Protein backbone atom coordinates (compact mmCIF):
# COMPACT_ATOMS: atom_id res chain seq x y z
CA MET A 1 6.24 -35.24 8.65
CA ASP A 2 6.29 -31.52 9.49
CA GLN A 3 10.11 -31.53 9.69
CA ALA A 4 10.31 -33.28 6.31
CA ASN A 5 8.07 -30.64 4.71
CA GLN A 6 10.20 -27.84 6.16
CA ALA A 7 13.38 -29.43 4.86
CA GLU A 8 11.81 -29.92 1.43
CA GLY A 9 10.68 -26.28 1.38
CA ALA A 10 14.15 -25.07 2.30
CA LEU A 11 15.72 -27.17 -0.48
CA ALA A 12 13.20 -25.84 -3.00
CA LEU A 13 14.19 -22.24 -2.23
CA ARG A 14 17.95 -22.83 -2.24
CA PRO A 15 18.41 -22.07 -5.99
CA THR A 16 16.43 -18.86 -5.57
CA PHE A 17 18.60 -17.72 -2.66
CA ILE A 18 21.75 -18.57 -4.60
CA ALA A 19 20.54 -16.67 -7.67
CA MET A 20 19.53 -13.68 -5.53
CA ALA A 21 22.88 -13.63 -3.75
CA ALA A 22 24.81 -13.89 -7.03
CA ILE A 23 22.81 -11.11 -8.69
CA GLY A 24 23.12 -9.01 -5.54
CA ALA A 25 26.88 -9.51 -5.37
CA LEU A 26 27.24 -8.46 -9.01
CA ALA A 27 25.04 -5.40 -8.45
CA THR A 28 27.00 -4.43 -5.34
CA ALA A 29 30.34 -4.81 -7.13
CA ALA A 30 29.07 -2.77 -10.08
CA ALA A 31 27.78 -0.05 -7.75
CA PHE A 32 31.13 0.09 -5.95
CA TRP A 33 32.99 0.32 -9.24
CA MET A 34 30.71 2.97 -10.75
CA ALA A 35 29.59 5.08 -7.79
CA GLY A 36 31.65 4.31 -4.70
CA ARG A 37 31.38 2.78 -1.28
CA PHE A 38 28.22 4.51 0.01
CA THR A 39 26.18 3.50 -3.04
CA ALA A 40 27.52 -0.05 -2.85
CA LEU A 41 26.54 -0.21 0.82
CA SER A 42 23.01 0.88 -0.09
CA VAL A 43 22.79 -1.83 -2.76
CA ALA A 44 24.15 -4.45 -0.35
CA LEU A 45 21.59 -3.49 2.32
CA GLY A 46 18.85 -3.83 -0.31
CA VAL A 47 20.11 -7.31 -1.20
CA VAL A 48 20.24 -8.42 2.44
CA THR A 49 16.76 -7.00 3.03
CA ALA A 50 15.43 -8.89 0.00
CA LEU A 51 17.01 -12.17 1.17
CA LEU A 52 15.59 -11.79 4.67
CA ASP A 53 12.22 -10.76 3.26
CA LEU A 54 11.98 -13.90 1.12
CA LEU A 55 13.12 -16.09 4.01
CA LEU A 56 10.46 -14.68 6.32
CA LEU A 57 7.83 -14.82 3.58
CA ALA A 58 8.56 -18.53 3.02
CA ARG A 59 8.24 -19.18 6.77
CA MET A 60 4.95 -17.26 6.89
CA VAL A 61 3.48 -19.21 3.97
CA ARG A 62 4.46 -22.51 5.60
CA GLY A 63 2.95 -21.23 8.84
CA PHE A 64 -0.31 -20.18 7.18
CA LEU A 65 -0.64 -23.52 5.39
CA GLY A 66 0.15 -25.60 8.45
CA GLN A 67 -1.71 -23.44 10.98
CA ARG A 68 -2.77 -25.28 14.11
CA ARG A 69 -4.53 -24.03 17.19
CA GLY A 70 -2.19 -22.56 19.74
CA GLY A 71 0.48 -21.94 17.12
CA LEU A 72 2.22 -18.71 16.21
CA PRO A 73 -0.26 -16.12 14.90
CA TRP A 74 1.23 -15.71 11.42
CA GLY A 75 -1.12 -12.85 10.58
CA VAL A 76 0.55 -10.80 13.32
CA VAL A 77 3.98 -11.78 11.98
CA ALA A 78 2.92 -10.64 8.48
CA VAL A 79 1.81 -7.23 9.76
CA LEU A 80 5.01 -6.84 11.79
CA LYS A 81 7.08 -7.79 8.75
CA PHE A 82 5.59 -4.99 6.68
CA VAL A 83 5.81 -2.46 9.51
CA LEU A 84 9.48 -3.31 10.06
CA LEU A 85 10.24 -3.28 6.33
CA PHE A 86 8.70 0.12 5.64
CA GLY A 87 9.59 1.59 9.03
CA GLY A 88 13.20 0.48 8.64
CA LEU A 89 13.38 1.94 5.16
CA PHE A 90 11.91 5.22 6.44
CA VAL A 91 14.49 5.46 9.25
CA LEU A 92 17.39 4.56 6.96
CA THR A 93 16.41 7.18 4.40
CA ARG A 94 15.33 9.86 6.89
CA PHE A 95 18.73 9.90 8.55
CA GLY A 96 20.64 9.60 5.28
CA LEU A 97 22.09 6.17 6.07
CA ILE A 98 21.28 4.82 2.58
CA GLU A 99 20.50 6.10 -0.88
CA VAL A 100 16.99 5.11 -1.96
CA LEU A 101 17.52 4.16 -5.62
CA PRO A 102 20.59 1.97 -5.00
CA PHE A 103 18.74 0.30 -2.11
CA LEU A 104 15.83 -0.45 -4.46
CA LEU A 105 18.28 -1.76 -7.04
CA GLY A 106 19.57 -4.20 -4.43
CA PHE A 107 16.04 -5.14 -3.39
CA GLY A 108 15.32 -5.76 -7.07
CA CYS A 109 17.44 -8.90 -6.86
CA LEU A 110 14.36 -10.54 -5.29
CA PRO A 111 12.25 -10.81 -8.47
CA LEU A 112 15.35 -11.23 -10.65
CA GLY A 113 16.58 -14.09 -8.46
CA ILE A 114 13.19 -15.81 -8.60
CA VAL A 115 13.11 -15.57 -12.39
CA ALA A 116 16.74 -16.69 -12.74
CA ALA A 117 16.12 -19.69 -10.49
CA GLN A 118 13.08 -20.66 -12.59
CA PHE A 119 15.16 -20.53 -15.77
CA GLY A 120 17.72 -22.71 -14.03
CA GLY A 121 15.15 -25.46 -13.49
CA ALA A 122 14.22 -24.77 -9.86
CA GLY A 123 10.51 -24.82 -10.67
CA ARG A 124 10.50 -28.41 -11.92
CA THR A 125 9.23 -31.20 -9.76
CA GLN A 126 10.01 -34.90 -9.99
CA GLY A 127 6.89 -35.56 -12.07
CA ASP A 128 7.76 -32.96 -14.73
CA SER A 129 9.36 -34.10 -17.97
């Protein structure tokens, strides 16, 4: 039953990932066209970070909801996720490896992808009319 719930959760998020990737690809292409390669790389890194962030967040929520004794301590994973996210962003900006605003533009595909997937019907369940 646990495997079935994981597969169902992955299928439910597929439209969101597709919408995020499409919006991110468009934003990266626009950044390359308007501002060049370095800006486009910053946008692309923001998109990849957003995709990985949502993937890990979905795993953490499933872990919190299905927590059993002796399992992975998802609270520790959540703290590590935020430390790595903000620490990684600090390192990337401190050493000039990315531009901050284009990175945030790429990361902005996370809420936009969620909203776009909801408009596309991803939020409906079988019982909805």
